[in-house]
């Protein structure tokens, strides 16, 4: 799994209400509509700045708050390539993998807004093209990479009839 994109940086404790405000997630189940409002409480122009494949970069505890799957799904439908953070709330991390949104744990202090990154999840490396440096990545287990490659847990199960550890 390889990705390239520009970074949009946020701080620590970005909760699921910042990711997608409750005023929207209870009005519609249309993920493409929700995607237009991703991160708008932190950056009202976020959606208009995003190019498909860009990255959300944050500090610690990204995705804290509710356990609803709308947060990672809305991010995915906003065409974000991956979310990079020092750490993730456990339920958000699990929901992200299950919905096919790549999440990467790494030292985000080495990444600034606007930096262009190449990410190779299979190799476990990030190359910051803007700063010409390599950043270590906490590697994902192969089964999680397979789930992400298949588009999430449900498509993975449909494809293999269960987990594929091969």
Protein backbone atom coordinates (compact mmCIF):
# COMPACT_ATOMS: atom_id res chain seq x y z
CA UNK A 1 0.00 0.00 0.00
CA UNK A 2 1.53 3.24 -1.18
CA UNK A 3 0.19 6.75 -0.85
CA UNK A 4 1.38 10.21 -1.76
CA UNK A 5 -0.22 13.45 -0.68
CA UNK A 6 -0.04 16.82 1.01
CA UNK A 7 -0.45 17.20 4.77
CA UNK A 8 -3.17 19.06 6.65
CA UNK A 9 -2.05 19.33 10.28
CA UNK A 10 -4.10 19.45 13.46
CA UNK A 11 -3.25 19.18 17.17
CA UNK A 12 -3.88 16.71 19.97
CA UNK A 13 -7.22 15.25 21.06
CA UNK A 14 -9.09 15.78 17.79
CA UNK A 15 -12.38 14.23 18.79
CA UNK A 16 -15.04 12.70 16.57
CA UNK A 17 -17.24 15.81 16.91
CA UNK A 18 -14.41 17.88 15.42
CA UNK A 19 -14.04 15.31 12.65
CA UNK A 20 -17.74 15.48 11.80
CA UNK A 21 -19.99 17.71 13.85
CA UNK A 22 -23.08 16.20 15.45
CA UNK A 23 -25.20 18.84 13.75
CA UNK A 24 -24.55 16.98 10.47
CA UNK A 25 -24.20 13.33 11.42
CA UNK A 26 -27.75 13.13 12.71
CA UNK A 27 -29.28 14.80 9.62
CA UNK A 28 -28.04 12.44 6.91
CA UNK A 29 -26.42 9.08 6.31
CA UNK A 30 -25.07 10.23 2.94
CA UNK A 31 -21.31 9.95 3.43
CA UNK A 32 -20.54 12.15 0.43
CA UNK A 33 -22.59 14.93 2.04
CA UNK A 34 -20.94 14.39 5.43
CA UNK A 35 -17.51 14.48 3.76
CA UNK A 36 -18.11 18.13 2.82
CA UNK A 37 -18.13 18.97 6.54
CA UNK A 38 -15.10 16.96 7.74
CA UNK A 39 -12.90 18.97 10.13
CA UNK A 40 -14.88 22.18 9.48
CA UNK A 41 -15.08 23.08 13.20
CA UNK A 42 -11.25 23.23 13.22
CA UNK A 43 -10.80 24.54 9.67
CA UNK A 44 -13.96 25.84 7.95
CA UNK A 45 -12.27 25.63 4.52
CA UNK A 46 -10.79 22.15 5.00
CA UNK A 47 -12.88 20.34 2.38
CA UNK A 48 -12.09 22.92 -0.31
CA UNK A 49 -8.34 22.61 0.41
CA UNK A 50 -8.20 18.82 0.12
CA UNK A 51 -6.92 17.10 -2.99
CA UNK A 52 -7.73 13.37 -3.26
CA UNK A 53 -5.00 11.40 -1.49
CA UNK A 54 -4.04 14.15 0.97
CA UNK A 55 -3.31 13.29 4.61
CA UNK A 56 -4.69 14.41 7.93
CA UNK A 57 -1.80 14.70 10.40
CA UNK A 58 -2.39 15.10 14.13
CA UNK A 59 -0.83 14.68 17.55
CA UNK A 60 -2.01 12.29 20.24
CA UNK A 61 -5.40 10.69 20.83
CA UNK A 62 -6.86 11.33 17.36
CA UNK A 63 -10.49 10.25 17.10
CA UNK A 64 -11.38 10.33 20.79
CA UNK A 65 -15.06 10.67 21.62
CA UNK A 66 -17.96 8.65 20.26
CA UNK A 67 -17.64 5.21 18.75
CA UNK A 68 -19.73 5.96 15.66
CA UNK A 69 -18.28 4.87 12.34
CA UNK A 70 -19.33 8.14 10.66
CA UNK A 71 -16.03 9.81 11.61
CA UNK A 72 -13.66 7.51 9.68
CA UNK A 73 -16.21 7.00 6.91
CA UNK A 74 -16.63 10.76 6.41
CA UNK A 75 -12.83 11.16 6.28
CA UNK A 76 -12.59 8.35 3.72
CA UNK A 77 -15.34 9.90 1.60
CA UNK A 78 -13.52 13.25 1.73
CA UNK A 79 -10.86 11.37 -0.30
CA UNK A 80 -8.22 11.55 2.46
CA UNK A 81 -5.51 8.98 1.72
CA UNK A 82 -4.61 8.26 5.35
CA UNK A 83 -4.60 9.72 8.84
CA UNK A 84 -1.24 10.02 10.58
CA UNK A 85 -1.02 10.61 14.32
CA UNK A 86 1.20 9.95 17.30
CA UNK A 87 -1.65 7.89 18.75
CA UNK A 88 -5.29 7.09 18.08
CA UNK A 89 -8.30 6.49 20.26
CA UNK A 90 -8.73 2.72 20.29
CA UNK A 91 -12.29 2.63 18.91
CA UNK A 92 -11.52 5.15 16.14
CA UNK A 93 -8.45 3.12 15.10
CA UNK A 94 -10.50 -0.07 14.91
CA UNK A 95 -13.35 1.63 13.03
CA UNK A 96 -10.87 3.17 10.58
CA UNK A 97 -9.35 -0.20 9.67
CA UNK A 98 -12.79 -1.80 9.51
CA UNK A 99 -14.01 0.88 7.07
CA UNK A 100 -10.84 0.80 4.96
CA UNK A 101 -9.30 4.11 6.09
CA UNK A 102 -5.51 3.77 6.54
CA UNK A 103 -4.24 5.00 9.92
CA UNK A 104 -0.54 5.38 10.62
CA UNK A 105 1.15 5.86 14.00
CA UNK A 106 4.33 7.90 13.73
CA UNK A 107 6.17 10.94 15.10
CA UNK A 108 4.12 13.74 13.59
CA UNK A 109 6.39 16.43 15.09
CA UNK A 110 8.54 15.87 11.99
CA UNK A 111 5.67 16.79 9.65
CA UNK A 112 4.30 20.27 8.93
CA UNK A 113 1.19 21.46 7.14
CA UNK A 114 1.82 21.44 3.40
CA UNK A 115 4.58 18.83 3.50
CA UNK A 116 4.36 16.22 0.73
CA UNK A 117 4.76 12.64 1.89
CA UNK A 118 5.20 9.22 0.32
CA UNK A 119 3.89 6.45 2.56
CA UNK A 120 4.60 2.77 2.02
CA UNK A 121 2.66 0.76 4.59
CA UNK A 122 4.05 -2.54 3.36
CA UNK A 123 7.62 -1.33 3.95
CA UNK A 124 6.72 0.66 7.06
CA UNK A 125 8.24 3.96 5.93
CA UNK A 126 7.24 7.54 5.32
CA UNK A 127 9.39 9.78 3.17
CA UNK A 128 8.88 13.48 3.72
CA UNK A 129 9.62 14.78 0.21
CA UNK A 130 9.46 18.40 1.37
CA UNK A 131 12.17 17.90 4.02
CA UNK A 132 14.00 15.00 2.32
CA UNK A 133 13.80 12.76 5.39
CA UNK A 134 12.53 9.33 6.35
CA UNK A 135 10.13 8.82 9.27
CA UNK A 136 9.72 5.52 11.10
CA UNK A 137 6.24 4.03 11.11
CA UNK A 138 4.69 1.66 13.59
CA UNK A 139 4.11 -1.27 11.19
CA UNK A 140 0.65 -2.68 10.59
CA UNK A 141 0.16 -6.45 10.74
CA UNK A 142 -0.19 -8.02 7.28
CA UNK A 143 -3.82 -8.98 7.92
CA UNK A 144 -4.65 -5.30 8.53
CA UNK A 145 -2.91 -4.32 5.31
CA UNK A 146 -5.00 -6.97 3.50
CA UNK A 147 -8.19 -5.59 5.08
CA UNK A 148 -7.24 -2.06 3.95
CA UNK A 149 -6.35 -3.29 0.44
CA UNK A 150 -9.76 -4.95 0.23
CA UNK A 151 -11.55 -1.71 1.20
CA UNK A 152 -12.39 -2.63 4.78
CA UNK A 153 -13.46 -5.57 6.92
CA UNK A 154 -16.82 -6.32 5.24
CA UNK A 155 -15.33 -6.48 1.71
CA UNK A 156 -12.44 -8.58 3.09
CA UNK A 157 -14.90 -11.06 4.62
CA UNK A 158 -16.95 -11.20 1.41
CA UNK A 159 -13.79 -11.90 -0.57
CA UNK A 160 -12.35 -14.61 1.71
CA UNK A 161 -15.29 -15.82 3.82
CA UNK A 162 -13.43 -14.70 6.95
CA UNK A 163 -9.97 -13.47 7.90
CA UNK A 164 -7.22 -14.30 5.42
CA UNK A 165 -3.92 -14.72 7.27
CA UNK A 166 -2.00 -16.06 4.26
